[in-house]
Amino acid sequence: MDQNIERWVSMKEITEYLGVSRDTILDWIDRRSMPAAKIGRLWKFKISEVDAWMKSGVAAEQ
C-alpha cells in the first residue's frame, strides 16, 4: 500500500484538530462549503483539504 495516501478522518478527529464543536463543523459544511464526504450517516474529512479551505478564507466569511 502506498504510504503517501492520506487517510480520511472522522468528525471527532476533525473537531479536535480544529478545536471547534460538531455543530460548528456541520454549519460550515452547510453554509460555507467545507470539504467533506458523507458516507452513510458518517462525515469524513481529509486534513489537507480542510487546511486548504481554511487558508482560502472561506471559513472566515460571514
N, C-alpha and C. Protein backbone atom coordinates (compact mmCIF):
# COMPACT_ATOMS: atom_id res chain seq x y z
N MET A 1 0.83 -1.18 0.00
CA MET A 1 0.00 0.00 0.00
C MET A 1 0.88 1.25 0.00
N ASP A 2 0.47 2.25 -0.74
CA ASP A 2 1.23 3.49 -0.86
C ASP A 2 1.15 4.28 0.45
N GLN A 3 2.28 4.58 1.04
CA GLN A 3 2.32 5.31 2.31
C GLN A 3 1.95 6.79 2.15
N ASN A 4 1.88 7.29 0.91
CA ASN A 4 1.57 8.70 0.67
C ASN A 4 0.07 8.96 0.55
N ILE A 5 -0.74 7.94 0.62
CA ILE A 5 -2.18 8.13 0.54
C ILE A 5 -2.69 8.67 1.87
N GLU A 6 -3.38 9.81 1.79
CA GLU A 6 -3.91 10.43 3.00
C GLU A 6 -5.18 9.70 3.44
N ARG A 7 -5.29 9.44 4.72
CA ARG A 7 -6.48 8.76 5.22
C ARG A 7 -7.59 9.77 5.52
N TRP A 8 -8.82 9.28 5.50
CA TRP A 8 -9.97 10.09 5.88
C TRP A 8 -10.04 10.12 7.41
N VAL A 9 -10.42 11.27 7.97
CA VAL A 9 -10.57 11.37 9.42
C VAL A 9 -12.05 11.54 9.76
N SER A 10 -12.38 11.21 10.99
CA SER A 10 -13.76 11.24 11.47
C SER A 10 -14.16 12.63 11.94
N MET A 11 -15.45 12.79 12.23
CA MET A 11 -15.96 14.05 12.79
C MET A 11 -15.25 14.36 14.10
N LYS A 12 -15.09 13.35 14.95
CA LYS A 12 -14.41 13.56 16.25
C LYS A 12 -12.99 14.06 16.04
N GLU A 13 -12.27 13.45 15.11
CA GLU A 13 -10.89 13.85 14.85
C GLU A 13 -10.81 15.27 14.30
N ILE A 14 -11.73 15.65 13.40
CA ILE A 14 -11.66 16.99 12.81
C ILE A 14 -12.06 18.06 13.83
N THR A 15 -13.00 17.75 14.73
CA THR A 15 -13.36 18.73 15.76
C THR A 15 -12.18 18.96 16.71
N GLU A 16 -11.48 17.89 17.05
CA GLU A 16 -10.30 18.02 17.91
C GLU A 16 -9.18 18.76 17.19
N TYR A 17 -8.99 18.47 15.92
CA TYR A 17 -7.93 19.09 15.12
C TYR A 17 -8.16 20.60 15.02
N LEU A 18 -9.42 21.01 14.78
CA LEU A 18 -9.73 22.43 14.59
C LEU A 18 -10.11 23.13 15.89
N GLY A 19 -10.43 22.37 16.94
CA GLY A 19 -10.80 22.97 18.22
C GLY A 19 -12.16 23.63 18.20
N VAL A 20 -13.08 23.07 17.43
CA VAL A 20 -14.45 23.60 17.36
C VAL A 20 -15.44 22.47 17.61
N SER A 21 -16.71 22.83 17.78
CA SER A 21 -17.73 21.83 18.09
C SER A 21 -18.24 21.13 16.82
N ARG A 22 -18.92 20.02 17.04
CA ARG A 22 -19.56 19.27 15.95
C ARG A 22 -20.58 20.16 15.23
N ASP A 23 -21.33 20.94 15.99
CA ASP A 23 -22.33 21.83 15.39
C ASP A 23 -21.68 22.87 14.48
N THR A 24 -20.52 23.37 14.88
CA THR A 24 -19.80 24.34 14.04
C THR A 24 -19.38 23.69 12.73
N ILE A 25 -18.85 22.47 12.81
CA ILE A 25 -18.44 21.76 11.60
C ILE A 25 -19.64 21.56 10.68
N LEU A 26 -20.77 21.11 11.21
CA LEU A 26 -21.97 20.90 10.40
C LEU A 26 -22.45 22.21 9.77
N ASP A 27 -22.35 23.30 10.50
CA ASP A 27 -22.72 24.62 9.96
C ASP A 27 -21.79 25.00 8.82
N TRP A 28 -20.48 24.78 8.99
CA TRP A 28 -19.52 25.11 7.93
C TRP A 28 -19.76 24.26 6.69
N ILE A 29 -20.10 23.00 6.86
CA ILE A 29 -20.40 22.14 5.71
C ILE A 29 -21.61 22.70 4.97
N ASP A 30 -22.63 23.07 5.73
CA ASP A 30 -23.89 23.54 5.14
C ASP A 30 -23.78 24.94 4.53
N ARG A 31 -23.18 25.87 5.25
CA ARG A 31 -23.20 27.28 4.83
C ARG A 31 -21.94 27.77 4.13
N ARG A 32 -20.83 27.09 4.34
CA ARG A 32 -19.56 27.60 3.82
C ARG A 32 -18.81 26.60 2.96
N SER A 33 -19.48 25.55 2.54
CA SER A 33 -18.90 24.56 1.62
C SER A 33 -17.60 23.95 2.12
N MET A 34 -17.56 23.64 3.41
CA MET A 34 -16.38 22.94 3.94
C MET A 34 -16.25 21.60 3.23
N PRO A 35 -15.04 21.25 2.79
CA PRO A 35 -14.86 19.97 2.09
C PRO A 35 -15.07 18.78 3.03
N ALA A 36 -16.03 17.94 2.68
CA ALA A 36 -16.36 16.77 3.48
C ALA A 36 -17.09 15.77 2.60
N ALA A 37 -17.07 14.52 3.01
CA ALA A 37 -17.80 13.48 2.30
C ALA A 37 -18.70 12.76 3.29
N LYS A 38 -19.95 12.57 2.91
CA LYS A 38 -20.87 11.84 3.77
C LYS A 38 -20.93 10.40 3.27
N ILE A 39 -20.57 9.50 4.15
CA ILE A 39 -20.56 8.08 3.83
C ILE A 39 -21.57 7.43 4.75
N GLY A 40 -22.75 7.13 4.21
CA GLY A 40 -23.85 6.65 5.06
C GLY A 40 -24.27 7.78 5.98
N ARG A 41 -24.19 7.54 7.28
CA ARG A 41 -24.52 8.57 8.26
C ARG A 41 -23.30 9.32 8.76
N LEU A 42 -22.12 8.92 8.32
CA LEU A 42 -20.87 9.48 8.86
C LEU A 42 -20.25 10.52 7.93
N TRP A 43 -19.73 11.58 8.51
CA TRP A 43 -18.97 12.57 7.77
C TRP A 43 -17.49 12.20 7.86
N LYS A 44 -16.78 12.33 6.74
CA LYS A 44 -15.33 12.07 6.69
C LYS A 44 -14.63 13.26 6.06
N PHE A 45 -13.39 13.49 6.46
CA PHE A 45 -12.64 14.66 6.05
C PHE A 45 -11.21 14.29 5.71
N LYS A 46 -10.62 15.06 4.79
CA LYS A 46 -9.18 14.97 4.50
C LYS A 46 -8.56 16.24 5.10
N ILE A 47 -7.61 16.06 5.97
CA ILE A 47 -6.99 17.19 6.67
C ILE A 47 -6.41 18.19 5.66
N SER A 48 -5.77 17.70 4.60
CA SER A 48 -5.15 18.61 3.63
C SER A 48 -6.20 19.48 2.95
N GLU A 49 -7.38 18.92 2.65
CA GLU A 49 -8.46 19.68 2.02
C GLU A 49 -9.03 20.72 2.99
N VAL A 50 -9.19 20.32 4.24
CA VAL A 50 -9.72 21.25 5.25
C VAL A 50 -8.71 22.38 5.49
N ASP A 51 -7.43 22.06 5.55
CA ASP A 51 -6.41 23.10 5.73
C ASP A 51 -6.44 24.09 4.57
N ALA A 52 -6.53 23.61 3.34
CA ALA A 52 -6.58 24.49 2.17
C ALA A 52 -7.83 25.36 2.20
N TRP A 53 -8.95 24.78 2.61
CA TRP A 53 -10.21 25.52 2.71
C TRP A 53 -10.10 26.63 3.77
N MET A 54 -9.49 26.31 4.90
CA MET A 54 -9.32 27.31 5.97
C MET A 54 -8.41 28.44 5.48
N LYS A 55 -7.31 28.09 4.82
CA LYS A 55 -6.36 29.09 4.34
C LYS A 55 -6.94 29.97 3.24
N SER A 56 -7.92 29.46 2.51
CA SER A 56 -8.53 30.23 1.41
C SER A 56 -9.37 31.38 1.94
N GLY A 57 -9.72 31.34 3.22
CA GLY A 57 -10.51 32.41 3.82
C GLY A 57 -12.01 32.17 3.80
N VAL A 58 -12.47 31.11 3.18
CA VAL A 58 -13.90 30.83 3.11
C VAL A 58 -14.48 30.63 4.50
N ALA A 59 -13.75 30.03 5.40
CA ALA A 59 -14.25 29.76 6.76
C ALA A 59 -14.53 31.04 7.51
N ALA A 60 -13.85 32.12 7.17
CA ALA A 60 -13.99 33.38 7.89
C ALA A 60 -15.09 34.28 7.31
N GLU A 61 -15.61 33.92 6.13
CA GLU A 61 -16.64 34.75 5.51
C GLU A 61 -17.91 34.75 6.31
N GLN A 62 -18.59 35.87 6.33
CA GLN A 62 -19.86 36.00 7.09
C GLN A 62 -21.04 35.81 6.18
